[in-house]
N, C-alpha and C. Protein backbone atom coordinates (compact mmCIF):
# COMPACT_ATOMS: atom_id res chain seq x y z
N MET A 1 0.51 -22.84 20.78
CA MET A 1 0.51 -22.08 20.10
C MET A 1 -0.73 -21.91 18.97
N HIS A 2 -0.78 -23.03 18.37
CA HIS A 2 -1.82 -22.86 17.12
C HIS A 2 -2.99 -22.32 17.82
N ARG A 3 -3.49 -22.95 19.00
CA ARG A 3 -4.84 -22.38 19.59
C ARG A 3 -4.82 -20.91 19.74
N ILE A 4 -3.86 -20.14 20.49
CA ILE A 4 -3.48 -18.93 20.79
C ILE A 4 -3.66 -18.16 19.59
N GLU A 5 -3.34 -18.69 18.17
CA GLU A 5 -3.52 -17.86 16.87
C GLU A 5 -5.30 -18.22 16.39
N ILE A 6 -5.52 -19.07 16.72
CA ILE A 6 -7.08 -19.45 16.17
C ILE A 6 -7.63 -18.02 17.60
N GLU A 7 -7.54 -18.08 18.65
CA GLU A 7 -8.23 -17.56 19.53
C GLU A 7 -7.94 -15.96 18.72
N ASP A 8 -6.79 -15.38 18.69
CA ASP A 8 -6.50 -14.17 17.88
C ASP A 8 -7.15 -13.69 16.78
N GLN A 9 -7.66 -14.64 16.23
CA GLN A 9 -8.36 -14.12 14.93
C GLN A 9 -10.06 -14.32 15.07
N ARG A 10 -10.41 -14.69 16.36
CA ARG A 10 -11.97 -14.57 16.73
C ARG A 10 -12.18 -13.17 16.48
N ALA A 11 -13.66 -12.93 15.81
CA ALA A 11 -14.01 -11.75 15.51
C ALA A 11 -14.91 -11.21 16.49
N GLY A 12 -15.67 -11.87 17.45
CA GLY A 12 -16.89 -11.50 18.05
C GLY A 12 -16.38 -11.73 19.54
N LEU A 13 -17.53 -11.59 20.50
CA LEU A 13 -17.53 -11.97 21.86
C LEU A 13 -17.75 -13.36 22.21
N PRO A 14 -17.03 -13.66 23.09
CA PRO A 14 -17.03 -15.21 23.31
C PRO A 14 -18.90 -15.54 23.55
N TRP A 15 -19.78 -16.81 23.39
CA TRP A 15 -20.64 -17.03 23.33
C TRP A 15 -21.16 -16.83 24.69
N PRO A 16 -20.72 -17.24 25.73
CA PRO A 16 -21.61 -16.89 27.28
C PRO A 16 -21.31 -15.36 27.35
N TYR A 17 -20.94 -14.62 27.01
CA TYR A 17 -21.34 -13.07 26.76
C TYR A 17 -22.19 -12.75 26.02
N LEU A 18 -22.64 -13.63 24.97
CA LEU A 18 -23.46 -13.23 23.95
C LEU A 18 -25.16 -13.94 24.25
N ALA A 19 -24.64 -14.80 24.90
CA ALA A 19 -26.23 -15.37 25.65
C ALA A 19 -26.91 -14.66 26.68
N ILE A 20 -25.63 -14.22 27.58
CA ILE A 20 -26.00 -13.03 28.65
C ILE A 20 -26.96 -11.83 27.91
N LEU A 21 -26.36 -11.06 27.27
CA LEU A 21 -26.66 -10.26 26.65
C LEU A 21 -28.02 -10.60 25.79
N LEU A 22 -28.49 -11.31 25.09
CA LEU A 22 -29.23 -11.95 24.10
C LEU A 22 -30.33 -12.03 25.51
N GLY A 23 -30.33 -12.57 26.53
CA GLY A 23 -30.73 -13.13 27.77
C GLY A 23 -31.65 -11.94 28.29
N GLU A 24 -30.51 -10.97 28.37
CA GLU A 24 -31.08 -9.72 29.42
C GLU A 24 -32.05 -8.52 28.49
N ILE A 25 -31.74 -8.53 26.69
CA ILE A 25 -32.56 -7.90 26.20
C ILE A 25 -33.77 -8.74 26.16
N ALA A 26 -34.06 -9.89 25.99
CA ALA A 26 -35.30 -10.55 25.98
C ALA A 26 -36.33 -10.34 27.34
N VAL A 27 -35.53 -10.47 28.52
CA VAL A 27 -36.47 -10.20 29.47
C VAL A 27 -36.70 -8.25 29.75
N LEU A 28 -35.61 -7.89 29.20
CA LEU A 28 -36.29 -6.06 29.22
C LEU A 28 -36.92 -5.78 28.14
N GLY A 29 -36.88 -6.26 27.27
CA GLY A 29 -37.88 -6.43 26.43
C GLY A 29 -39.25 -7.00 26.15
N HIS A 30 -39.26 -7.63 27.31
CA HIS A 30 -40.78 -8.09 27.59
C HIS A 30 -41.41 -6.97 28.64
N TRP A 31 -40.61 -6.69 29.24
CA TRP A 31 -40.64 -5.86 30.47
C TRP A 31 -41.24 -4.61 29.89
N VAL A 32 -40.68 -4.23 28.64
CA VAL A 32 -41.67 -2.88 28.15
C VAL A 32 -42.41 -3.44 27.23
N ALA A 33 -42.63 -4.39 26.38
CA ALA A 33 -43.91 -4.91 26.13
C ALA A 33 -44.79 -5.04 27.07
N ALA A 34 -44.78 -5.49 28.01
CA ALA A 34 -45.96 -5.53 29.05
C ALA A 34 -46.22 -4.37 29.58
N SER A 35 -45.30 -3.45 29.81
CA SER A 35 -45.96 -2.32 30.30
C SER A 35 -46.88 -1.28 29.99
N ALA A 36 -47.62 -0.29 30.54
CA ALA A 36 -48.27 0.27 30.01
C ALA A 36 -47.80 1.82 30.14
N GLY A 37 -46.75 1.84 29.02
CA GLY A 37 -45.83 3.40 29.12
C GLY A 37 -44.43 3.69 30.01
N ARG A 38 -44.49 2.75 31.09
CA ARG A 38 -43.36 2.91 32.12
C ARG A 38 -42.99 1.54 32.68
N PRO A 39 -41.92 1.22 32.20
CA PRO A 39 -41.40 -0.50 32.79
C PRO A 39 -41.17 -0.07 34.00
N PRO A 40 -41.29 -1.39 34.49
CA PRO A 40 -40.54 -1.60 35.73
C PRO A 40 -39.32 -1.40 35.85
N ARG A 41 -38.87 -1.35 37.34
CA ARG A 41 -37.25 -0.99 37.36
C ARG A 41 -36.15 -0.30 36.74
N ILE A 42 -37.01 0.77 36.16
CA ILE A 42 -35.96 1.72 34.99
C ILE A 42 -34.82 2.59 36.24
N TYR A 43 -34.87 2.54 37.05
CA TYR A 43 -33.87 3.13 37.95
C TYR A 43 -32.71 2.02 38.36
N GLU A 44 -33.46 0.81 38.76
CA GLU A 44 -32.43 -0.27 39.18
C GLU A 44 -31.58 -0.19 37.90
N MET A 45 -32.21 -0.63 36.52
CA MET A 45 -31.46 -0.69 35.22
C MET A 45 -30.37 0.41 34.75
N GLY A 46 -30.83 1.78 35.33
CA GLY A 46 -29.89 2.55 35.14
C GLY A 46 -28.91 2.59 36.05
N TRP A 47 -28.79 2.18 37.28
CA TRP A 47 -27.54 2.20 38.37
C TRP A 47 -26.66 1.14 37.69
N LEU A 48 -27.68 -0.61 37.51
CA LEU A 48 -26.60 -1.60 36.85
C LEU A 48 -25.84 -1.06 35.57
N GLY A 49 -26.73 -0.42 34.73
CA GLY A 49 -25.96 0.32 33.59
C GLY A 49 -24.69 1.07 33.61
N CYS A 50 -25.27 2.09 34.87
CA CYS A 50 -24.08 2.76 35.21
C CYS A 50 -22.51 1.81 35.54
N GLY A 51 -23.07 1.22 36.76
CA GLY A 51 -22.16 0.19 37.17
C GLY A 51 -21.48 -0.62 36.57
N SER A 52 -22.09 -1.23 35.63
CA SER A 52 -21.26 -2.15 34.41
C SER A 52 -20.12 -1.09 33.59
N MET A 53 -20.39 0.16 33.24
CA MET A 53 -19.51 1.02 32.59
C MET A 53 -18.46 1.50 33.38
N LEU A 54 -18.68 1.38 34.89
CA LEU A 54 -17.94 1.74 35.74
C LEU A 54 -16.88 0.86 36.01
N VAL A 55 -17.35 -0.18 35.98
CA VAL A 55 -16.46 -1.57 36.21
C VAL A 55 -15.80 -1.85 34.67
N MET A 56 -16.30 -1.30 33.46
CA MET A 56 -15.82 -1.87 32.48
C MET A 56 -14.34 -1.02 32.10
N GLN A 57 -14.01 -0.18 33.06
CA GLN A 57 -12.66 0.43 33.32
C GLN A 57 -11.79 -0.50 33.54
N VAL A 58 -11.99 -1.01 34.68
CA VAL A 58 -10.82 -1.79 35.34
C VAL A 58 -9.94 -2.27 34.03
N TYR A 59 -10.44 -2.86 32.39
CA TYR A 59 -9.65 -2.94 31.77
C TYR A 59 -8.40 -2.17 31.47
N SER A 60 -8.80 -1.31 31.36
CA SER A 60 -7.94 0.24 31.05
C SER A 60 -6.79 0.03 32.36
N ILE A 61 -7.04 -0.22 33.55
CA ILE A 61 -6.10 -0.19 34.45
C ILE A 61 -5.28 -1.39 34.41
N ARG A 62 -5.69 -2.62 33.81
CA ARG A 62 -5.13 -3.80 33.97
C ARG A 62 -4.21 -3.85 32.70
N ARG A 63 -4.51 -2.80 31.82
CA ARG A 63 -3.55 -2.85 30.31
C ARG A 63 -2.24 -2.09 30.76
N ARG A 64 -2.51 -0.74 31.79
CA ARG A 64 -1.24 -0.21 31.84
C ARG A 64 -0.87 -0.51 32.94
N VAL A 65 -0.98 -1.96 33.67
CA VAL A 65 -0.12 -1.59 34.97
C VAL A 65 0.38 -3.31 34.73
N ARG A 66 1.63 -3.52 34.82
CA ARG A 66 2.31 -4.53 34.18
C ARG A 66 1.98 -5.61 35.47
N ALA A 67 2.24 -4.73 36.54
CA ALA A 67 1.97 -5.90 37.40
C ALA A 67 0.70 -6.95 37.80
N LEU A 68 -0.34 -6.15 37.27
CA LEU A 68 -1.35 -7.22 36.96
C LEU A 68 -1.94 -8.01 35.65
N SER A 69 -0.51 -8.02 35.56
CA SER A 69 -0.44 -9.37 34.01
C SER A 69 -0.99 -10.72 34.83
N GLU A 70 -0.71 -10.92 35.63
CA GLU A 70 -1.08 -12.00 36.16
C GLU A 70 -2.48 -12.31 36.66
N LEU A 71 -3.27 -11.43 36.22
CA LEU A 71 -4.47 -11.62 36.65
C LEU A 71 -5.29 -12.10 35.14
N GLY A 72 -4.69 -12.39 34.27
CA GLY A 72 -5.22 -13.09 33.03
C GLY A 72 -4.76 -12.71 31.64
N PRO A 73 -4.93 -13.14 30.80
CA PRO A 73 -4.74 -12.25 29.13
C PRO A 73 -5.43 -11.43 29.15
N LEU A 74 -4.46 -10.61 28.55
CA LEU A 74 -5.30 -8.95 28.29
C LEU A 74 -6.21 -9.24 27.22
N ARG A 75 -6.25 -10.39 26.43
CA ARG A 75 -7.62 -10.70 25.42
C ARG A 75 -8.82 -10.76 26.28
N ALA A 76 -8.46 -11.66 26.99
CA ALA A 76 -9.75 -11.94 28.27
C ALA A 76 -10.44 -10.70 28.65
N TRP A 77 -9.39 -9.42 29.03
CA TRP A 77 -9.92 -8.54 29.85
C TRP A 77 -10.83 -7.80 28.77
N LEU A 78 -10.20 -7.78 27.46
CA LEU A 78 -11.04 -6.85 26.42
C LEU A 78 -12.12 -7.22 26.43
N ASP A 79 -12.40 -8.53 26.14
CA ASP A 79 -13.68 -9.21 26.03
C ASP A 79 -14.68 -8.66 27.16
N LEU A 80 -14.25 -8.64 28.62
CA LEU A 80 -15.10 -8.43 29.54
C LEU A 80 -15.50 -6.58 29.46
N HIS A 81 -14.21 -6.01 28.88
CA HIS A 81 -14.63 -4.43 28.51
C HIS A 81 -15.79 -4.21 27.54
N VAL A 82 -15.57 -5.29 26.56
CA VAL A 82 -16.54 -4.90 24.95
C VAL A 82 -17.90 -5.62 25.90
N PHE A 83 -17.97 -6.46 26.82
CA PHE A 83 -19.12 -7.03 26.97
C PHE A 83 -20.06 -6.31 27.79
N LEU A 84 -18.95 -5.80 29.05
CA LEU A 84 -19.65 -4.68 29.94
C LEU A 84 -20.36 -3.42 29.70
N GLY A 85 -19.38 -2.90 28.34
CA GLY A 85 -19.85 -2.30 27.35
C GLY A 85 -21.33 -2.05 26.84
N LEU A 86 -21.40 -3.08 26.68
CA LEU A 86 -22.68 -3.32 25.33
C LEU A 86 -23.40 -3.54 26.68
N GLN A 87 -23.56 -4.17 27.48
CA GLN A 87 -24.51 -4.58 28.70
C GLN A 87 -24.86 -2.89 29.41
N GLY A 88 -23.96 -2.44 29.39
CA GLY A 88 -24.36 -1.41 30.29
C GLY A 88 -25.52 -0.52 29.10
N PHE A 89 -25.10 -0.75 27.76
CA PHE A 89 -25.65 0.09 26.42
C PHE A 89 -27.21 -0.56 26.69
N VAL A 90 -27.54 -1.93 27.03
CA VAL A 90 -28.62 -2.12 26.39
C VAL A 90 -29.34 -1.67 28.38
N LEU A 91 -28.62 -1.83 29.28
CA LEU A 91 -29.16 -1.17 30.61
C LEU A 91 -29.52 0.28 30.36
N VAL A 92 -28.79 0.88 30.13
CA VAL A 92 -29.07 2.57 30.06
C VAL A 92 -30.42 2.54 29.18
N ALA A 93 -30.27 2.21 27.84
CA ALA A 93 -31.28 2.28 26.81
C ALA A 93 -32.76 1.78 27.51
N TYR A 94 -32.61 0.45 28.44
CA TYR A 94 -34.00 0.15 29.04
C TYR A 94 -34.53 1.43 30.28
N HIS A 95 -33.27 1.92 30.60
CA HIS A 95 -33.54 2.81 31.83
C HIS A 95 -34.19 4.10 30.88
N SER A 96 -33.47 4.35 29.60
CA SER A 96 -34.21 5.95 28.62
C SER A 96 -35.38 5.49 28.20
N VAL A 97 -36.21 4.33 28.26
CA VAL A 97 -37.47 3.98 27.58
C VAL A 97 -38.60 5.14 28.14
N GLY A 98 -39.15 5.81 27.21
CA GLY A 98 -39.76 6.87 27.67
C GLY A 98 -39.56 8.20 27.86
N VAL A 99 -37.97 8.75 27.71
CA VAL A 99 -37.33 9.59 27.97
C VAL A 99 -37.54 10.34 26.33
N SER A 100 -38.09 12.21 26.63
CA SER A 100 -38.02 12.91 25.66
C SER A 100 -37.27 12.97 24.83
N PRO A 101 -36.90 12.99 23.69
CA PRO A 101 -35.91 12.99 23.19
C PRO A 101 -35.43 14.50 22.44
N ARG A 102 -36.01 15.35 23.33
CA ARG A 102 -35.73 16.83 23.29
C ARG A 102 -34.45 16.90 23.95
N ALA A 103 -33.76 18.29 23.78
CA ALA A 103 -32.43 17.86 24.24
C ALA A 103 -32.19 18.05 25.83
N SER A 104 -32.46 17.11 26.20
CA SER A 104 -32.71 17.42 27.97
C SER A 104 -31.00 16.46 28.69
N LEU A 105 -30.73 16.84 29.73
CA LEU A 105 -29.50 15.90 29.81
C LEU A 105 -29.81 14.65 29.99
N ALA A 106 -31.03 14.15 30.03
CA ALA A 106 -30.71 12.43 29.81
C ALA A 106 -30.73 12.13 28.59
N ALA A 107 -31.81 12.79 27.52
CA ALA A 107 -31.28 12.52 26.41
C ALA A 107 -30.42 12.63 25.61
N ILE A 108 -29.39 13.89 26.23
CA ILE A 108 -28.00 14.32 25.70
C ILE A 108 -26.90 12.77 26.35
N ASN A 109 -27.27 12.32 27.64
CA ASN A 109 -26.56 11.21 28.23
C ASN A 109 -26.82 10.02 27.50
N PHE A 110 -27.69 9.80 27.08
CA PHE A 110 -28.35 8.97 26.43
C PHE A 110 -27.59 8.75 24.75
N ALA A 111 -27.56 9.70 23.94
CA ALA A 111 -27.12 10.01 22.84
C ALA A 111 -25.21 9.89 22.94
N LEU A 112 -24.89 10.24 24.39
CA LEU A 112 -23.31 9.88 24.42
C LEU A 112 -23.02 8.60 24.61
N VAL A 113 -23.85 7.85 25.18
CA VAL A 113 -23.55 6.49 25.49
C VAL A 113 -23.85 5.98 24.34
N ALA A 114 -24.54 5.95 23.72
CA ALA A 114 -24.57 5.52 22.14
C ALA A 114 -23.46 5.45 21.56
N ILE A 115 -22.80 7.22 21.40
CA ILE A 115 -22.03 7.06 20.52
C ILE A 115 -20.72 6.29 20.94
N VAL A 116 -20.40 6.60 22.15
CA VAL A 116 -19.33 5.82 22.59
C VAL A 116 -19.32 4.34 22.65
N VAL A 117 -20.56 3.57 22.75
CA VAL A 117 -20.39 2.24 22.49
C VAL A 117 -20.07 2.39 20.97
N ALA A 118 -20.63 3.05 20.04
CA ALA A 118 -20.37 2.90 18.50
C ALA A 118 -18.98 3.38 18.44
N THR A 119 -18.46 4.00 18.92
CA THR A 119 -16.83 4.25 19.00
C THR A 119 -16.19 3.09 19.21
N GLY A 120 -16.81 2.70 20.12
CA GLY A 120 -15.75 1.36 20.98
C GLY A 120 -16.24 0.39 19.95
N VAL A 121 -17.21 -0.12 19.22
CA VAL A 121 -17.37 -1.24 18.42
C VAL A 121 -16.80 -0.82 17.09
N ILE A 122 -17.04 0.05 16.39
CA ILE A 122 -15.98 0.47 15.67
C ILE A 122 -14.66 -0.37 15.73
N GLY A 123 -14.13 0.78 17.00
CA GLY A 123 -12.61 0.35 17.04
C GLY A 123 -12.09 -1.00 17.47
N ARG A 124 -12.84 -1.42 17.89
CA ARG A 124 -12.63 -2.99 18.17
C ARG A 124 -13.10 -3.99 16.84
N TYR A 125 -13.99 -3.69 16.34
CA TYR A 125 -14.71 -4.82 15.50
C TYR A 125 -14.30 -4.47 13.73
N LEU A 126 -14.40 -3.32 13.61
CA LEU A 126 -13.99 -2.69 12.47
C LEU A 126 -12.39 -2.34 11.91
N TYR A 127 -11.82 -2.10 12.95
CA TYR A 127 -10.23 -1.80 12.66
C TYR A 127 -9.70 -3.03 12.87
N GLY A 128 -10.29 -3.69 13.60
CA GLY A 128 -9.80 -5.30 13.65
C GLY A 128 -9.66 -5.86 12.34
N LEU A 129 -10.68 -5.63 11.62
CA LEU A 129 -10.89 -6.36 10.19
C LEU A 129 -9.89 -6.43 8.94
N ILE A 130 -9.18 -4.96 9.40
CA ILE A 130 -8.08 -4.67 8.77
C ILE A 130 -6.74 -5.63 8.26
N PRO A 131 -6.52 -6.20 9.75
CA PRO A 131 -5.22 -7.35 10.03
C PRO A 131 -5.83 -8.24 8.82
N ARG A 132 -6.67 -9.01 8.98
CA ARG A 132 -7.48 -10.02 8.48
C ARG A 132 -7.47 -9.80 6.99
N ALA A 133 -7.90 -8.67 6.66
CA ALA A 133 -8.01 -8.49 5.14
C ALA A 133 -6.86 -8.36 4.47
N ARG A 134 -5.86 -8.09 5.09
CA ARG A 134 -4.33 -7.73 4.68
C ARG A 134 -3.93 -8.86 4.21
N ARG A 135 -4.28 -10.26 5.09
CA ARG A 135 -3.08 -11.67 4.59
C ARG A 135 -3.87 -12.13 3.62
N THR A 136 -5.42 -11.80 3.31
CA THR A 136 -5.53 -12.24 1.73
C THR A 136 -5.60 -11.11 0.77
N ARG A 137 -5.47 -9.81 0.73
CA ARG A 137 -4.92 -8.95 -0.36
C ARG A 137 -3.97 -8.21 0.19
N GLN A 138 -2.74 -8.47 -0.17
CA GLN A 138 -1.77 -7.88 -0.11
C GLN A 138 -1.28 -6.24 -0.73
N GLY A 139 -1.18 -5.26 -0.16
CA GLY A 139 -1.08 -3.99 -0.79
C GLY A 139 -2.20 -3.54 -1.27
N SER A 140 -3.14 -3.50 -0.72
CA SER A 140 -4.57 -2.75 -1.39
C SER A 140 -4.65 -1.53 -1.08
N LEU A 141 -5.09 -0.74 -1.92
CA LEU A 141 -5.06 0.61 -1.52
C LEU A 141 -5.92 1.10 -0.27
N ALA A 142 -7.32 0.28 -0.73
CA ALA A 142 -8.64 0.55 0.12
C ALA A 142 -8.08 0.14 1.62
N LEU A 143 -7.37 -0.81 1.98
CA LEU A 143 -6.77 -1.07 3.28
C LEU A 143 -6.19 -0.19 3.97
N ASP A 144 -5.14 0.15 2.84
CA ASP A 144 -4.25 1.70 3.37
C ASP A 144 -5.15 2.77 4.00
N ILE A 145 -6.16 3.07 3.13
CA ILE A 145 -7.03 4.29 3.58
C ILE A 145 -7.87 4.02 4.54
N ALA A 146 -7.93 2.90 4.65
CA ALA A 146 -9.23 2.51 5.88
C ALA A 146 -8.48 2.28 6.95
N GLU A 147 -7.12 1.82 6.95
CA GLU A 147 -6.51 1.66 8.35
C GLU A 147 -6.08 3.20 8.80
N ARG A 148 -5.56 3.93 7.85
CA ARG A 148 -5.14 5.21 8.25
C ARG A 148 -6.74 5.78 9.03
N ALA A 149 -7.39 5.69 8.53
CA ALA A 149 -8.97 6.73 8.81
C ALA A 149 -9.29 5.98 10.53
N PHE A 150 -9.05 4.24 10.51
CA PHE A 150 -9.15 4.05 11.49
C PHE A 150 -8.20 4.01 12.90
N ALA A 151 -6.78 4.14 12.26
CA ALA A 151 -5.79 3.94 13.38
C ALA A 151 -5.90 5.18 14.37
N ARG A 152 -6.96 6.10 14.04
CA ARG A 152 -7.18 6.93 15.61
C ARG A 152 -8.32 7.26 15.88
N TRP A 153 -9.09 5.62 16.12
CA TRP A 153 -10.47 5.85 16.70
C TRP A 153 -10.54 6.09 18.05
N ILE A 154 -9.02 5.70 18.59
CA ILE A 154 -9.15 5.73 20.00
C ILE A 154 -9.14 7.50 20.57
N VAL A 155 -8.71 8.19 19.78
CA VAL A 155 -8.52 9.86 19.98
C VAL A 155 -9.98 10.25 19.98
N LEU A 156 -11.20 9.76 19.39
CA LEU A 156 -12.53 10.13 19.43
C LEU A 156 -13.30 9.55 20.75
N HIS A 157 -12.77 7.83 21.10
CA HIS A 157 -13.48 7.14 21.83
C HIS A 157 -13.01 7.33 23.45
N ARG A 158 -11.88 7.80 23.65
CA ARG A 158 -11.36 7.93 25.10
C ARG A 158 -12.18 9.55 25.28
N PRO A 159 -12.01 10.42 25.08
CA PRO A 159 -12.57 11.99 25.31
C PRO A 159 -13.96 11.40 25.23
N LEU A 160 -14.67 10.75 24.31
CA LEU A 160 -16.18 11.04 24.68
C LEU A 160 -16.34 10.01 26.28
N ALA A 161 -15.55 8.85 26.38
CA ALA A 161 -15.85 8.39 27.27
C ALA A 161 -15.74 9.08 28.69
N VAL A 162 -14.81 10.10 28.71
CA VAL A 162 -14.59 10.77 29.95
C VAL A 162 -15.64 12.11 29.69
N LEU A 163 -16.04 12.59 28.84
CA LEU A 163 -17.30 13.42 28.48
C LEU A 163 -18.32 12.44 29.39
N LEU A 164 -18.46 11.14 28.58
CA LEU A 164 -19.72 10.57 29.33
C LEU A 164 -19.72 10.47 30.91
N LEU A 165 -19.05 10.35 31.00
CA LEU A 165 -18.24 10.22 33.08
C LEU A 165 -19.02 11.32 33.43
N ALA A 166 -18.61 12.53 32.60
CA ALA A 166 -18.79 14.31 33.22
C ALA A 166 -20.48 13.99 33.53
N ILE A 167 -21.00 13.82 32.34
CA ILE A 167 -22.56 13.94 31.70
C ILE A 167 -22.98 13.09 32.66
N THR A 168 -22.92 12.24 32.81
CA THR A 168 -23.82 10.76 33.60
C THR A 168 -23.56 11.83 35.32
N THR A 169 -22.43 11.77 35.59
CA THR A 169 -22.38 12.50 36.77
C THR A 169 -22.95 13.49 37.27
N LEU A 170 -23.53 14.46 36.19
CA LEU A 170 -24.45 15.74 36.22
C LEU A 170 -26.12 15.12 36.21
N HIS A 171 -26.07 14.25 35.10
CA HIS A 171 -27.64 13.62 35.34
C HIS A 171 -28.03 12.80 36.73
N VAL A 172 -26.69 12.34 37.15
CA VAL A 172 -27.17 11.73 38.52
C VAL A 172 -27.39 12.76 39.61
N LEU A 173 -26.50 13.33 39.49
CA LEU A 173 -26.57 14.76 40.73
C LEU A 173 -28.08 15.51 40.46
N ALA A 174 -27.90 15.79 39.27
CA ALA A 174 -29.62 16.30 39.12
C ALA A 174 -30.90 15.63 39.33
N HIS A 175 -30.91 14.30 39.05
CA HIS A 175 -32.00 13.49 39.63
C HIS A 175 -32.09 13.98 40.71
N PHE A 176 -31.06 13.47 41.83
CA PHE A 176 -31.36 13.89 43.45
C PHE A 176 -31.38 15.23 43.65
N ALA A 177 -31.21 16.50 42.79
CA ALA A 177 -31.35 17.48 43.58
C ALA A 177 -33.00 17.51 42.86
N TYR A 178 -33.59 17.26 41.83
CA TYR A 178 -34.73 17.44 41.49
C TYR A 178 -35.62 16.33 41.52
N ALA A 179 -35.51 15.56 42.56
CA ALA A 179 -36.23 14.21 42.45
C ALA A 179 -37.58 15.04 43.46
N VAL A 180 -38.77 14.20 43.01
CA VAL A 180 -39.93 14.43 44.10
C VAL A 180 -39.68 13.72 45.55
């Protein structure tokens, strides 16, 4: 029982996930630095990033379907969801190197990826700090205000994720329609 309480208080991702992300950032950063304007494998990394973000949605299914509870604790699925979302962002950011910031579909798509990841991080980590802070400061007005403000973060995160899926689909279709 004590071990579960300690795991529930963990604020970050498990170290293997962090190590993988840092390794990917190092390799991709090296590719960008070593390239002359256009790094290698940008399309492949875009596909991998898209795949990572699609696979991360299995968490939502696991969370809602009780029959899948035999497939491990929900906490582990949430960690995987967060990892895949961050990994998807890293890969899509690499894919977007050199994209013009003007209002093109690709730029809008990347901006939406960044916003969805940011709302996910806010919801997962910042909102999660409130119960820990409550344990040390009972009845704090600032915590009450913060909790009310963050309580509905998912109202923003979910629709943006659906919009991201739609914009990404348009981005992919436009690529194939207009690719030379």
